[in-house]
Amino acid sequence: MFKKIVGALGAIALSAGSALAGPTFYGNIENNAGWVGSSSAGNATDFAVGIKGGSGNVGWYGQVGPQIQVPNGGDTDVVLSGKAGGSIGVSDKTSLYGEVGFATADEVDNTYFTKFGLTHDFN
């Protein structure tokens, strides 16, 4: 599984770099943990490579990489995860943003998420 992930990351980085001029490549390590009441449900840590760019009031990004899932009381697993998103400035102080993402799974259904929101600068 890990060899597939590394191969996919390399192919994405090479194809994105040759097809797009001007975007920025980045690395991202992110941990997400969850609780039910005061009990830990576990956590997931992403080790992603990504690309981001934009012009004017529009920004975008996408990233992919292995995710280490550590459920409380379960077996640790390494899966592939990714997300893509963007933002659009609707005024000097207000932006709309959105994100979609996924994580693969070997023995259960893949998971997906969306996130949409609005930010406003009060300064």
PDB file of N, CA and C in Angstrom:
ATOM      1  N   MET A   1       0.822  -1.193   0.000  1.00  0.00           N
ATOM      2  CA  MET A   1       0.000   0.000   0.000  1.00  0.00           C
ATOM      3  C   MET A   1       0.868   1.259   0.000  1.00  0.00           C
ATOM      4  N   PHE A   2       1.926   1.270   0.838  1.00  0.00           N
ATOM      5  CA  PHE A   2       2.760   2.459   0.943  1.00  0.00           C
ATOM      6  C   PHE A   2       3.483   2.745  -0.374  1.00  0.00           C
ATOM      7  N   LYS A   3       3.908   1.711  -1.099  1.00  0.00           N
ATOM      8  CA  LYS A   3       4.569   1.918  -2.387  1.00  0.00           C
ATOM      9  C   LYS A   3       3.622   2.559  -3.390  1.00  0.00           C
ATOM     10  N   LYS A   4       2.344   2.173  -3.348  1.00  0.00           N
ATOM     11  CA  LYS A   4       1.347   2.785  -4.233  1.00  0.00           C
ATOM     12  C   LYS A   4       1.197   4.267  -3.925  1.00  0.00           C
ATOM     13  N   ILE A   5       1.198   4.605  -2.651  1.00  0.00           N
ATOM     14  CA  ILE A   5       1.047   6.002  -2.241  1.00  0.00           C
ATOM     15  C   ILE A   5       2.233   6.831  -2.730  1.00  0.00           C
ATOM     16  N   VAL A   6       3.446   6.343  -2.518  1.00  0.00           N
ATOM     17  CA  VAL A   6       4.638   7.075  -2.944  1.00  0.00           C
ATOM     18  C   VAL A   6       4.637   7.254  -4.457  1.00  0.00           C
ATOM     19  N   GLY A   7       4.283   6.217  -5.196  1.00  0.00           N
ATOM     20  CA  GLY A   7       4.216   6.313  -6.650  1.00  0.00           C
ATOM     21  C   GLY A   7       3.197   7.333  -7.121  1.00  0.00           C
ATOM     22  N   ALA A   8       2.035   7.347  -6.488  1.00  0.00           N
ATOM     23  CA  ALA A   8       0.990   8.315  -6.848  1.00  0.00           C
ATOM     24  C   ALA A   8       1.452   9.738  -6.567  1.00  0.00           C
ATOM     25  N   LEU A   9       2.106   9.958  -5.438  1.00  0.00           N
ATOM     26  CA  LEU A   9       2.594  11.302  -5.095  1.00  0.00           C
ATOM     27  C   LEU A   9       3.616  11.787  -6.114  1.00  0.00           C
ATOM     28  N   GLY A  10       4.528  10.919  -6.513  1.00  0.00           N
ATOM     29  CA  GLY A  10       5.531  11.299  -7.495  1.00  0.00           C
ATOM     30  C   GLY A  10       4.914  11.659  -8.835  1.00  0.00           C
ATOM     31  N   ALA A  11       3.973  10.869  -9.291  1.00  0.00           N
ATOM     32  CA  ALA A  11       3.311  11.144 -10.575  1.00  0.00           C
ATOM     33  C   ALA A  11       2.546  12.453 -10.532  1.00  0.00           C
ATOM     34  N   ILE A  12       1.854  12.713  -9.435  1.00  0.00           N
ATOM     35  CA  ILE A  12       1.100  13.959  -9.310  1.00  0.00           C
ATOM     36  C   ILE A  12       2.036  15.158  -9.315  1.00  0.00           C
ATOM     37  N   ALA A  13       3.118  15.083  -8.545  1.00  0.00           N
ATOM     38  CA  ALA A  13       4.063  16.200  -8.474  1.00  0.00           C
ATOM     39  C   ALA A  13       4.687  16.495  -9.835  1.00  0.00           C
ATOM     40  N   LEU A  14       5.093  15.449 -10.567  1.00  0.00           N
ATOM     41  CA  LEU A  14       5.704  15.653 -11.869  1.00  0.00           C
ATOM     42  C   LEU A  14       4.724  16.216 -12.885  1.00  0.00           C
ATOM     43  N   SER A  15       3.507  15.684 -12.933  1.00  0.00           N
ATOM     44  CA  SER A  15       2.545  16.160 -13.914  1.00  0.00           C
ATOM     45  C   SER A  15       2.069  17.566 -13.585  1.00  0.00           C
ATOM     46  N   ALA A  16       1.876  17.868 -12.314  1.00  0.00           N
ATOM     47  CA  ALA A  16       1.438  19.211 -11.940  1.00  0.00           C
ATOM     48  C   ALA A  16       2.535  20.231 -12.219  1.00  0.00           C
ATOM     49  N   GLY A  17       3.778  19.875 -11.941  1.00  0.00           N
ATOM     50  CA  GLY A  17       4.874  20.810 -12.161  1.00  0.00           C
ATOM     51  C   GLY A  17       5.096  21.126 -13.626  1.00  0.00           C
ATOM     52  N   SER A  18       4.873  20.166 -14.504  1.00  0.00           N
ATOM     53  CA  SER A  18       5.098  20.416 -15.921  1.00  0.00           C
ATOM     54  C   SER A  18       3.901  21.091 -16.579  1.00  0.00           C
ATOM     55  N   ALA A  19       2.712  20.959 -16.018  1.00  0.00           N
ATOM     56  CA  ALA A  19       1.516  21.510 -16.642  1.00  0.00           C
ATOM     57  C   ALA A  19       1.183  22.921 -16.167  1.00  0.00           C
ATOM     58  N   LEU A  20       1.696  23.335 -15.015  1.00  0.00           N
ATOM     59  CA  LEU A  20       1.324  24.616 -14.436  1.00  0.00           C
ATOM     60  C   LEU A  20       2.553  25.474 -14.196  1.00  0.00           C
ATOM     61  N   ALA A  21       2.465  26.735 -14.585  1.00  0.00           N
ATOM     62  CA  ALA A  21       3.558  27.661 -14.312  1.00  0.00           C
ATOM     63  C   ALA A  21       3.142  28.596 -13.188  1.00  0.00           C
ATOM     64  N   GLY A  22       4.016  28.790 -12.222  1.00  0.00           N
ATOM     65  CA  GLY A  22       3.764  29.787 -11.207  1.00  0.00           C
ATOM     66  C   GLY A  22       3.177  29.337  -9.887  1.00  0.00           C
ATOM     67  N   PRO A  23       2.576  28.157  -9.762  1.00  0.00           N
ATOM     68  CA  PRO A  23       2.040  27.794  -8.450  1.00  0.00           C
ATOM     69  C   PRO A  23       3.155  27.419  -7.480  1.00  0.00           C
ATOM     70  N   THR A  24       2.808  27.316  -6.220  1.00  0.00           N
ATOM     71  CA  THR A  24       3.743  26.978  -5.162  1.00  0.00           C
ATOM     72  C   THR A  24       3.499  25.549  -4.698  1.00  0.00           C
ATOM     73  N   PHE A  25       4.563  24.772  -4.554  1.00  0.00           N
ATOM     74  CA  PHE A  25       4.467  23.430  -3.995  1.00  0.00           C
ATOM     75  C   PHE A  25       4.752  23.516  -2.506  1.00  0.00           C
ATOM     76  N   TYR A  26       4.102  22.673  -1.708  1.00  0.00           N
ATOM     77  CA  TYR A  26       4.288  22.721  -0.258  1.00  0.00           C
ATOM     78  C   TYR A  26       4.140  21.338   0.351  1.00  0.00           C
ATOM     79  N   GLY A  27       4.580  21.222   1.591  1.00  0.00           N
ATOM     80  CA  GLY A  27       4.369  20.025   2.387  1.00  0.00           C
ATOM     81  C   GLY A  27       3.472  20.378   3.560  1.00  0.00           C
ATOM     82  N   ASN A  28       2.672  19.431   4.012  1.00  0.00           N
ATOM     83  CA  ASN A  28       1.749  19.686   5.109  1.00  0.00           C
ATOM     84  C   ASN A  28       1.651  18.438   5.985  1.00  0.00           C
ATOM     85  N   ILE A  29       1.889  18.617   7.277  1.00  0.00           N
ATOM     86  CA  ILE A  29       1.660  17.561   8.257  1.00  0.00           C
ATOM     87  C   ILE A  29       0.546  18.058   9.158  1.00  0.00           C
ATOM     88  N   GLU A  30      -0.523  17.268   9.273  1.00  0.00           N
ATOM     89  CA  GLU A  30      -1.703  17.698  10.034  1.00  0.00           C
ATOM     90  C   GLU A  30      -2.261  16.525  10.818  1.00  0.00           C
ATOM     91  N   ASN A  31      -2.560  16.758  12.090  1.00  0.00           N
ATOM     92  CA  ASN A  31      -3.177  15.733  12.925  1.00  0.00           C
ATOM     93  C   ASN A  31      -4.580  16.164  13.291  1.00  0.00           C
ATOM     94  N   ASN A  32      -5.516  15.251  13.147  1.00  0.00           N
ATOM     95  CA  ASN A  32      -6.901  15.470  13.560  1.00  0.00           C
ATOM     96  C   ASN A  32      -7.259  14.399  14.575  1.00  0.00           C
ATOM     97  N   ALA A  33      -7.745  14.824  15.725  1.00  0.00           N
ATOM     98  CA  ALA A  33      -8.132  13.898  16.787  1.00  0.00           C
ATOM     99  C   ALA A  33      -9.603  14.113  17.106  1.00  0.00           C
ATOM    100  N   GLY A  34     -10.258  13.061  17.591  1.00  0.00           N
ATOM    101  CA  GLY A  34     -11.674  13.167  17.915  1.00  0.00           C
ATOM    102  C   GLY A  34     -11.996  12.549  19.261  1.00  0.00           C
ATOM    103  N   TRP A  35     -13.043  13.033  19.869  1.00  0.00           N
ATOM    104  CA  TRP A  35     -13.513  12.535  21.153  1.00  0.00           C
ATOM    105  C   TRP A  35     -15.012  12.347  21.102  1.00  0.00           C
ATOM    106  N   VAL A  36     -15.483  11.380  21.857  1.00  0.00           N
ATOM    107  CA  VAL A  36     -16.910  11.191  22.118  1.00  0.00           C
ATOM    108  C   VAL A  36     -17.051  11.396  23.620  1.00  0.00           C
ATOM    109  N   GLY A  37     -17.660  12.518  24.002  1.00  0.00           N
ATOM    110  CA  GLY A  37     -17.664  12.887  25.406  1.00  0.00           C
ATOM    111  C   GLY A  37     -16.237  13.150  25.838  1.00  0.00           C
ATOM    112  N   SER A  38     -15.775  12.482  26.873  1.00  0.00           N
ATOM    113  CA  SER A  38     -14.392  12.651  27.321  1.00  0.00           C
ATOM    114  C   SER A  38     -13.494  11.497  26.881  1.00  0.00           C
ATOM    115  N   SER A  39     -14.012  10.609  26.030  1.00  0.00           N
ATOM    116  CA  SER A  39     -13.231   9.460  25.553  1.00  0.00           C
ATOM    117  C   SER A  39     -12.667   9.725  24.164  1.00  0.00           C
ATOM    118  N   SER A  40     -11.383   9.425  23.989  1.00  0.00           N
ATOM    119  CA  SER A  40     -10.755   9.585  22.685  1.00  0.00           C
ATOM    120  C   SER A  40     -11.317   8.562  21.699  1.00  0.00           C
ATOM    121  N   ALA A  41     -11.643   9.033  20.489  1.00  0.00           N
ATOM    122  CA  ALA A  41     -12.074   8.133  19.418  1.00  0.00           C
ATOM    123  C   ALA A  41     -10.885   7.727  18.555  1.00  0.00           C
ATOM    124  N   GLY A  42      -9.773   8.447  18.685  1.00  0.00           N
ATOM    125  CA  GLY A  42      -8.577   8.173  17.909  1.00  0.00           C
ATOM    126  C   GLY A  42      -8.113   9.406  17.174  1.00  0.00           C
ATOM    127  N   ASN A  43      -7.140   9.219  16.272  1.00  0.00           N
ATOM    128  CA  ASN A  43      -6.640  10.351  15.504  1.00  0.00           C
ATOM    129  C   ASN A  43      -6.135   9.882  14.155  1.00  0.00           C
ATOM    130  N   ALA A  44      -5.947  10.845  13.271  1.00  0.00           N
ATOM    131  CA  ALA A  44      -5.412  10.597  11.939  1.00  0.00           C
ATOM    132  C   ALA A  44      -4.394  11.688  11.636  1.00  0.00           C
ATOM    133  N   THR A  45      -3.225  11.286  11.129  1.00  0.00           N
ATOM    134  CA  THR A  45      -2.183  12.241  10.784  1.00  0.00           C
ATOM    135  C   THR A  45      -1.895  12.140   9.293  1.00  0.00           C
ATOM    136  N   ASP A  46      -1.998  13.283   8.604  1.00  0.00           N
ATOM    137  CA  ASP A  46      -1.720  13.375   7.172  1.00  0.00           C
ATOM    138  C   ASP A  46      -0.287  13.847   6.952  1.00  0.00           C
ATOM    139  N   PHE A  47       0.385  13.259   5.967  1.00  0.00           N
ATOM    140  CA  PHE A  47       1.702  13.683   5.504  1.00  0.00           C
ATOM    141  C   PHE A  47       1.548  13.951   4.012  1.00  0.00           C
ATOM    142  N   ALA A  48       1.219  15.192   3.646  1.00  0.00           N
ATOM    143  CA  ALA A  48       0.821  15.492   2.276  1.00  0.00           C
ATOM    144  C   ALA A  48       1.806  16.397   1.566  1.00  0.00           C
ATOM    145  N   VAL A  49       1.808  16.286   0.241  1.00  0.00           N
ATOM    146  CA  VAL A  49       2.448  17.265  -0.627  1.00  0.00           C
ATOM    147  C   VAL A  49       1.330  17.933  -1.402  1.00  0.00           C
ATOM    148  N   GLY A  50       1.511  19.218  -1.657  1.00  0.00           N
ATOM    149  CA  GLY A  50       0.436  19.939  -2.314  1.00  0.00           C
ATOM    150  C   GLY A  50       0.934  21.009  -3.256  1.00  0.00           C
ATOM    151  N   ILE A  51      -0.029  21.624  -3.887  1.00  0.00           N
ATOM    152  CA  ILE A  51       0.213  22.720  -4.817  1.00  0.00           C
ATOM    153  C   ILE A  51      -0.863  23.759  -4.570  1.00  0.00           C
ATOM    154  N   LYS A  52      -0.461  25.044  -4.590  1.00  0.00           N
ATOM    155  CA  LYS A  52      -1.432  26.112  -4.383  1.00  0.00           C
ATOM    156  C   LYS A  52      -1.108  27.272  -5.304  1.00  0.00           C
ATOM    157  N   GLY A  53      -2.109  28.062  -5.560  1.00  0.00           N
ATOM    158  CA  GLY A  53      -1.929  29.207  -6.432  1.00  0.00           C
ATOM    159  C   GLY A  53      -3.136  30.114  -6.367  1.00  0.00           C
ATOM    160  N   GLY A  54      -3.179  31.047  -7.249  1.00  0.00           N
ATOM    161  CA  GLY A  54      -4.304  31.961  -7.299  1.00  0.00           C
ATOM    162  C   GLY A  54      -3.938  33.218  -8.050  1.00  0.00           C
ATOM    163  N   SER A  55      -4.940  34.033  -8.217  1.00  0.00           N
ATOM    164  CA  SER A  55      -4.763  35.293  -8.910  1.00  0.00           C
ATOM    165  C   SER A  55      -5.837  36.254  -8.420  1.00  0.00           C
ATOM    166  N   GLY A  56      -5.420  37.448  -8.061  1.00  0.00           N
ATOM    167  CA  GLY A  56      -6.388  38.432  -7.588  1.00  0.00           C
ATOM    168  C   GLY A  56      -7.057  37.971  -6.312  1.00  0.00           C
ATOM    169  N   ASN A  57      -8.375  37.910  -6.330  1.00  0.00           N
ATOM    170  CA  ASN A  57      -9.132  37.530  -5.128  1.00  0.00           C
ATOM    171  C   ASN A  57      -9.509  36.051  -5.102  1.00  0.00           C
ATOM    172  N   VAL A  58      -8.890  35.236  -5.960  1.00  0.00           N
ATOM    173  CA  VAL A  58      -9.197  33.800  -6.032  1.00  0.00           C
ATOM    174  C   VAL A  58      -7.946  32.999  -5.664  1.00  0.00           C
ATOM    175  N   GLY A  59      -8.093  32.055  -4.737  1.00  0.00           N
ATOM    176  CA  GLY A  59      -7.000  31.175  -4.362  1.00  0.00           C
ATOM    177  C   GLY A  59      -7.460  29.728  -4.404  1.00  0.00           C
ATOM    178  N   TRP A  60      -6.534  28.804  -4.651  1.00  0.00           N
ATOM    179  CA  TRP A  60      -6.877  27.380  -4.720  1.00  0.00           C
ATOM    180  C   TRP A  60      -5.706  26.545  -4.200  1.00  0.00           C
ATOM    181  N   TYR A  61      -5.986  25.299  -3.851  1.00  0.00           N
ATOM    182  CA  TYR A  61      -4.949  24.370  -3.416  1.00  0.00           C
ATOM    183  C   TYR A  61      -5.436  22.941  -3.581  1.00  0.00           C
ATOM    184  N   GLY A  62      -4.515  22.022  -3.610  1.00  0.00           N
ATOM    185  CA  GLY A  62      -4.811  20.601  -3.624  1.00  0.00           C
ATOM    186  C   GLY A  62      -3.633  19.859  -3.015  1.00  0.00           C
ATOM    187  N   GLN A  63      -3.914  18.802  -2.278  1.00  0.00           N
ATOM    188  CA  GLN A  63      -2.835  18.029  -1.672  1.00  0.00           C
ATOM    189  C   GLN A  63      -3.238  16.566  -1.557  1.00  0.00           C
ATOM    190  N   VAL A  64      -2.220  15.702  -1.501  1.00  0.00           N
ATOM    191  CA  VAL A  64      -2.452  14.266  -1.394  1.00  0.00           C
ATOM    192  C   VAL A  64      -1.262  13.637  -0.670  1.00  0.00           C
ATOM    193  N   GLY A  65      -1.525  12.546   0.028  1.00  0.00           N
ATOM    194  CA  GLY A  65      -0.446  11.856   0.711  1.00  0.00           C
ATOM    195  C   GLY A  65      -0.959  10.775   1.634  1.00  0.00           C
ATOM    196  N   PRO A  66      -0.041  10.086   2.283  1.00  0.00           N
ATOM    197  CA  PRO A  66      -0.451   9.028   3.210  1.00  0.00           C
ATOM    198  C   PRO A  66      -1.061   9.615   4.481  1.00  0.00           C
ATOM    199  N   GLN A  67      -1.995   8.880   5.037  1.00  0.00           N
ATOM    200  CA  GLN A  67      -2.621   9.238   6.308  1.00  0.00           C
ATOM    201  C   GLN A  67      -2.476   8.042   7.240  1.00  0.00           C
ATOM    202  N   ILE A  68      -1.953   8.283   8.433  1.00  0.00           N
ATOM    203  CA  ILE A  68      -1.847   7.234   9.441  1.00  0.00           C
ATOM    204  C   ILE A  68      -3.054   7.358  10.354  1.00  0.00           C
ATOM    205  N   GLN A  69      -3.900   6.342  10.355  1.00  0.00           N
ATOM    206  CA  GLN A  69      -5.108   6.330  11.180  1.00  0.00           C
ATOM    207  C   GLN A  69      -4.862   5.486  12.422  1.00  0.00           C
ATOM    208  N   VAL A  70      -5.133   6.067  13.588  1.00  0.00           N
ATOM    209  CA  VAL A  70      -4.919   5.388  14.858  1.00  0.00           C
ATOM    210  C   VAL A  70      -6.217   5.447  15.664  1.00  0.00           C
ATOM    211  N   PRO A  71      -7.144   4.500  15.409  1.00  0.00           N
ATOM    212  CA  PRO A  71      -8.395   4.501  16.175  1.00  0.00           C
ATOM    213  C   PRO A  71      -8.158   4.028  17.603  1.00  0.00           C
ATOM    214  N   ASN A  72      -8.901   4.561  18.547  1.00  0.00           N
ATOM    215  CA  ASN A  72      -8.780   4.136  19.937  1.00  0.00           C
ATOM    216  C   ASN A  72      -9.255   2.692  20.049  1.00  0.00           C
ATOM    217  N   GLY A  73      -8.364   1.801  20.454  1.00  0.00           N
ATOM    218  CA  GLY A  73      -8.723   0.400  20.611  1.00  0.00           C
ATOM    219  C   GLY A  73      -8.724  -0.398  19.325  1.00  0.00           C
ATOM    220  N   GLY A  74      -8.282   0.207  18.210  1.00  0.00           N
ATOM    221  CA  GLY A  74      -8.267  -0.506  16.934  1.00  0.00           C
ATOM    222  C   GLY A  74      -6.870  -0.605  16.371  1.00  0.00           C
ATOM    223  N   ASP A  75      -6.776  -1.192  15.182  1.00  0.00           N
ATOM    224  CA  ASP A  75      -5.489  -1.360  14.515  1.00  0.00           C
ATOM    225  C   ASP A  75      -5.117  -0.106  13.740  1.00  0.00           C
ATOM    226  N   THR A  76      -3.849   0.298  13.817  1.00  0.00           N
ATOM    227  CA  THR A  76      -3.333   1.418  13.046  1.00  0.00           C
ATOM    228  C   THR A  76      -3.306   1.028  11.568  1.00  0.00           C
ATOM    229  N   ASP A  77      -3.652   1.972  10.700  1.00  0.00           N
ATOM    230  CA  ASP A  77      -3.698   1.710   9.267  1.00  0.00           C
ATOM    231  C   ASP A  77      -3.102   2.903   8.528  1.00  0.00           C
ATOM    232  N   VAL A  78      -2.500   2.660   7.367  1.00  0.00           N
ATOM    233  CA  VAL A  78      -2.007   3.721   6.494  1.00  0.00           C
ATOM    234  C   VAL A  78      -2.866   3.701   5.234  1.00  0.00           C
ATOM    235  N   VAL A  79      -3.483   4.840   4.929  1.00  0.00           N
ATOM    236  CA  VAL A  79      -4.353   4.969   3.767  1.00  0.00           C
ATOM    237  C   VAL A  79      -3.914   6.193   2.968  1.00  0.00           C
ATOM    238  N   LEU A  80      -4.551   6.438   1.842  1.00  0.00           N
ATOM    239  CA  LEU A  80      -4.286   7.620   1.026  1.00  0.00           C
ATOM    240  C   LEU A  80      -5.365   8.650   1.314  1.00  0.00           C
ATOM    241  N   SER A  81      -4.958   9.900   1.519  1.00  0.00           N
ATOM    242  CA  SER A  81      -5.928  10.968   1.734  1.00  0.00           C
ATOM    243  C   SER A  81      -5.574  12.161   0.859  1.00  0.00           C
ATOM    244  N   GLY A  82      -6.540  13.004   0.650  1.00  0.00           N
ATOM    245  CA  GLY A  82      -6.298  14.209  -0.129  1.00  0.00           C
ATOM    246  C   GLY A  82      -7.407  15.206   0.067  1.00  0.00           C
ATOM    247  N   LYS A  83      -7.119  16.433  -0.316  1.00  0.00           N
ATOM    248  CA  LYS A  83      -8.143  17.471  -0.269  1.00  0.00           C
ATOM    249  C   LYS A  83      -7.809  18.560  -1.263  1.00  0.00           C
ATOM    250  N   ALA A  84      -8.846  19.259  -1.671  1.00  0.00           N
ATOM    251  CA  ALA A  84      -8.707  20.380  -2.594  1.00  0.00           C
ATOM    252  C   ALA A  84      -9.686  21.454  -2.159  1.00  0.00           C
ATOM    253  N   GLY A  85      -9.297  22.690  -2.366  1.00  0.00           N
ATOM    254  CA  GLY A  85     -10.182  23.767  -1.948  1.00  0.00           C
ATOM    255  C   GLY A  85      -9.797  25.076  -2.591  1.00  0.00           C
ATOM    256  N   GLY A  86     -10.551  26.075  -2.205  1.00  0.00           N
ATOM    257  CA  GLY A  86     -10.285  27.394  -2.735  1.00  0.00           C
ATOM    258  C   GLY A  86     -11.044  28.456  -1.981  1.00  0.00           C
ATOM    259  N   SER A  87     -10.734  29.693  -2.310  1.00  0.00           N
ATOM    260  CA  SER A  87     -11.432  30.821  -1.706  1.00  0.00           C
ATOM    261  C   SER A  87     -11.629  31.905  -2.754  1.00  0.00           C
ATOM    262  N   ILE A  88     -12.680  32.675  -2.543  1.00  0.00           N
ATOM    263  CA  ILE A  88     -13.005  33.793  -3.422  1.00  0.00           C
ATOM    264  C   ILE A  88     -13.318  34.992  -2.537  1.00  0.00           C
ATOM    265  N   GLY A  89     -12.585  36.075  -2.749  1.00  0.00           N
ATOM    266  CA  GLY A  89     -12.870  37.300  -2.020  1.00  0.00           C
ATOM    267  C   GLY A  89     -14.098  37.974  -2.615  1.00  0.00           C
ATOM    268  N   VAL A  90     -15.096  38.197  -1.790  1.00  0.00           N
ATOM    269  CA  VAL A  90     -16.321  38.847  -2.277  1.00  0.00           C
ATOM    270  C   VAL A  90     -16.331  40.331  -1.934  1.00  0.00           C
ATOM    271  N   SER A  91     -15.421  40.764  -1.071  1.00  0.00           N
ATOM    272  CA  SER A  91     -15.199  42.182  -0.770  1.00  0.00           C
ATOM    273  C   SER A  91     -13.789  42.293  -0.203  1.00  0.00           C
ATOM    274  N   ASP A  92     -13.391  43.511   0.188  1.00  0.00           N
ATOM    275  CA  ASP A  92     -12.044  43.690   0.749  1.00  0.00           C
ATOM    276  C   ASP A  92     -11.849  42.906   2.037  1.00  0.00           C
ATOM    277  N   LYS A  93     -12.914  42.642   2.788  1.00  0.00           N
ATOM    278  CA  LYS A  93     -12.798  41.993   4.092  1.00  0.00           C
ATOM    279  C   LYS A  93     -13.515  40.659   4.209  1.00  0.00           C
ATOM    280  N   THR A  94     -14.186  40.219   3.172  1.00  0.00           N
ATOM    281  CA  THR A  94     -14.991  39.000   3.262  1.00  0.00           C
ATOM    282  C   THR A  94     -14.623  38.029   2.149  1.00  0.00           C
ATOM    283  N   SER A  95     -14.459  36.753   2.534  1.00  0.00           N
ATOM    284  CA  SER A  95     -14.138  35.694   1.572  1.00  0.00           C
ATOM    285  C   SER A  95     -15.041  34.489   1.804  1.00  0.00           C
ATOM    286  N   LEU A  96     -15.364  33.814   0.720  1.00  0.00           N
ATOM    287  CA  LEU A  96     -16.043  32.521   0.763  1.00  0.00           C
ATOM    288  C   LEU A  96     -14.987  31.451   0.518  1.00  0.00           C
ATOM    289  N   TYR A  97     -15.112  30.308   1.197  1.00  0.00           N
ATOM    290  CA  TYR A  97     -14.155  29.233   0.968  1.00  0.00           C
ATOM    291  C   TYR A  97     -14.861  27.887   0.951  1.00  0.00           C
ATOM    292  N   GLY A  98     -14.215  26.925   0.340  1.00  0.00           N
ATOM    293  CA  GLY A  98     -14.738  25.565   0.308  1.00  0.00           C
ATOM    294  C   GLY A  98     -13.615  24.566   0.189  1.00  0.00           C
ATOM    295  N   GLU A  99     -13.893  23.351   0.659  1.00  0.00           N
ATOM    296  CA  GLU A  99     -12.899  22.281   0.616  1.00  0.00           C
ATOM    297  C   GLU A  99     -13.627  20.946   0.476  1.00  0.00           C
ATOM    298  N   VAL A 100     -13.058  20.045  -0.301  1.00  0.00           N
ATOM    299  CA  VAL A 100     -13.547  18.665  -0.400  1.00  0.00           C
ATOM    300  C   VAL A 100     -12.358  17.756  -0.159  1.00  0.00           C
ATOM    301  N   GLY A 101     -12.610  16.586   0.425  1.00  0.00           N
ATOM    302  CA  GLY A 101     -11.507  15.684   0.710  1.00  0.00           C
ATOM    303  C   GLY A 101     -11.950  14.240   0.797  1.00  0.00           C
ATOM    304  N   PHE A 102     -10.955  13.357   0.909  1.00  0.00           N
ATOM    305  CA  PHE A 102     -11.231  11.921   0.960  1.00  0.00           C
ATOM    306  C   PHE A 102     -10.151  11.205   1.742  1.00  0.00           C
ATOM    307  N   ALA A 103     -10.444  10.006   2.169  1.00  0.00           N
ATOM    308  CA  ALA A 103      -9.464   9.053   2.693  1.00  0.00           C
ATOM    309  C   ALA A 103      -9.906   7.671   2.225  1.00  0.00           C
ATOM    310  N   THR A 104      -8.958   6.894   1.712  1.00  0.00           N
ATOM    311  CA  THR A 104      -9.279   5.544   1.255  1.00  0.00           C
ATOM    312  C   THR A 104      -9.339   4.605   2.451  1.00  0.00           C
ATOM    313  N   ALA A 105      -9.819   3.420   2.210  1.00  0.00           N
ATOM    314  CA  ALA A 105      -9.889   2.398   3.263  1.00  0.00           C
ATOM    315  C   ALA A 105      -9.801   1.031   2.616  1.00  0.00           C
ATOM    316  N   ASP A 106      -9.171   0.076   3.318  1.00  0.00           N
ATOM    317  CA  ASP A 106      -9.030  -1.275   2.790  1.00  0.00           C
ATOM    318  C   ASP A 106     -10.236  -2.159   3.105  1.00  0.00           C
ATOM    319  N   GLU A 107     -10.758  -2.045   4.313  1.00  0.00           N
ATOM    320  CA  GLU A 107     -11.794  -2.982   4.744  1.00  0.00           C
ATOM    321  C   GLU A 107     -13.181  -2.370   4.923  1.00  0.00           C
ATOM    322  N   VAL A 108     -13.287  -1.057   4.839  1.00  0.00           N
ATOM    323  CA  VAL A 108     -14.586  -0.374   4.964  1.00  0.00           C
ATOM    324  C   VAL A 108     -14.709   0.609   3.821  1.00  0.00           C
ATOM    325  N   ASP A 109     -15.813   1.314   3.758  1.00  0.00           N
ATOM    326  CA  ASP A 109     -16.017   2.289   2.687  1.00  0.00           C
ATOM    327  C   ASP A 109     -15.048   3.461   2.816  1.00  0.00           C
ATOM    328  N   ASN A 110     -14.645   4.021   1.679  1.00  0.00           N
ATOM    329  CA  ASN A 110     -13.850   5.245   1.684  1.00  0.00           C
ATOM    330  C   ASN A 110     -14.651   6.346   2.368  1.00  0.00           C
ATOM    331  N   THR A 111     -13.963   7.341   2.927  1.00  0.00           N
ATOM    332  CA  THR A 111     -14.656   8.465   3.555  1.00  0.00           C
ATOM    333  C   THR A 111     -14.429   9.729   2.744  1.00  0.00           C
ATOM    334  N   TYR A 112     -15.407  10.619   2.792  1.00  0.00           N
ATOM    335  CA  TYR A 112     -15.366  11.884   2.060  1.00  0.00           C
ATOM    336  C   TYR A 112     -15.860  12.985   2.979  1.00  0.00           C
ATOM    337  N   PHE A 113     -15.445  14.224   2.715  1.00  0.00           N
ATOM    338  CA  PHE A 113     -15.956  15.345   3.484  1.00  0.00           C
ATOM    339  C   PHE A 113     -16.030  16.593   2.621  1.00  0.00           C
ATOM    340  N   THR A 114     -16.848  17.524   3.051  1.00  0.00           N
ATOM    341  CA  THR A 114     -16.915  18.855   2.462  1.00  0.00           C
ATOM    342  C   THR A 114     -16.867  19.875   3.592  1.00  0.00           C
ATOM    343  N   LYS A 115     -16.398  21.040   3.252  1.00  0.00           N
ATOM    344  CA  LYS A 115     -16.356  22.149   4.197  1.00  0.00           C
ATOM    345  C   LYS A 115     -16.604  23.423   3.405  1.00  0.00           C
ATOM    346  N   PHE A 116     -17.555  24.220   3.840  1.00  0.00           N
ATOM    347  CA  PHE A 116     -17.842  25.501   3.186  1.00  0.00           C
ATOM    348  C   PHE A 116     -18.021  26.553   4.256  1.00  0.00           C
ATOM    349  N   GLY A 117     -17.590  27.772   3.983  1.00  0.00           N
ATOM    350  CA  GLY A 117     -17.737  28.803   4.987  1.00  0.00           C
ATOM    351  C   GLY A 117     -17.455  30.192   4.453  1.00  0.00           C
ATOM    352  N   LEU A 118     -17.503  31.125   5.380  1.00  0.00           N
ATOM    353  CA  LEU A 118     -17.303  32.526   5.088  1.00  0.00           C
ATOM    354  C   LEU A 118     -16.396  33.091   6.181  1.00  0.00           C
ATOM    355  N   THR A 119     -15.417  33.898   5.797  1.00  0.00           N
ATOM    356  CA  THR A 119     -14.584  34.576   6.785  1.00  0.00           C
ATOM    357  C   THR A 119     -14.719  36.078   6.570  1.00  0.00           C
ATOM    358  N   HIS A 120     -14.651  36.822   7.680  1.00  0.00           N
ATOM    359  CA  HIS A 120     -14.741  38.268   7.629  1.00  0.00           C
ATOM    360  C   HIS A 120     -13.670  38.858   8.527  1.00  0.00           C
ATOM    361  N   ASP A 121     -12.901  39.792   8.003  1.00  0.00           N
ATOM    362  CA  ASP A 121     -11.844  40.472   8.745  1.00  0.00           C
ATOM    363  C   ASP A 121     -12.432  41.697   9.426  1.00  0.00           C
ATOM    364  N   PHE A 122     -12.293  41.786  10.754  1.00  0.00           N
ATOM    365  CA  PHE A 122     -12.863  42.899  11.504  1.00  0.00           C
ATOM    366  C   PHE A 122     -11.898  44.083  11.636  1.00  0.00           C
ATOM    367  N   ASN A 123     -10.662  43.948  11.203  1.00  0.00           N
ATOM    368  CA  ASN A 123      -9.694  45.055  11.311  1.00  0.00           C
ATOM    369  C   ASN A 123      -9.874  46.051  10.206  1.00  0.00           C
TER     370      ASN A 123
END
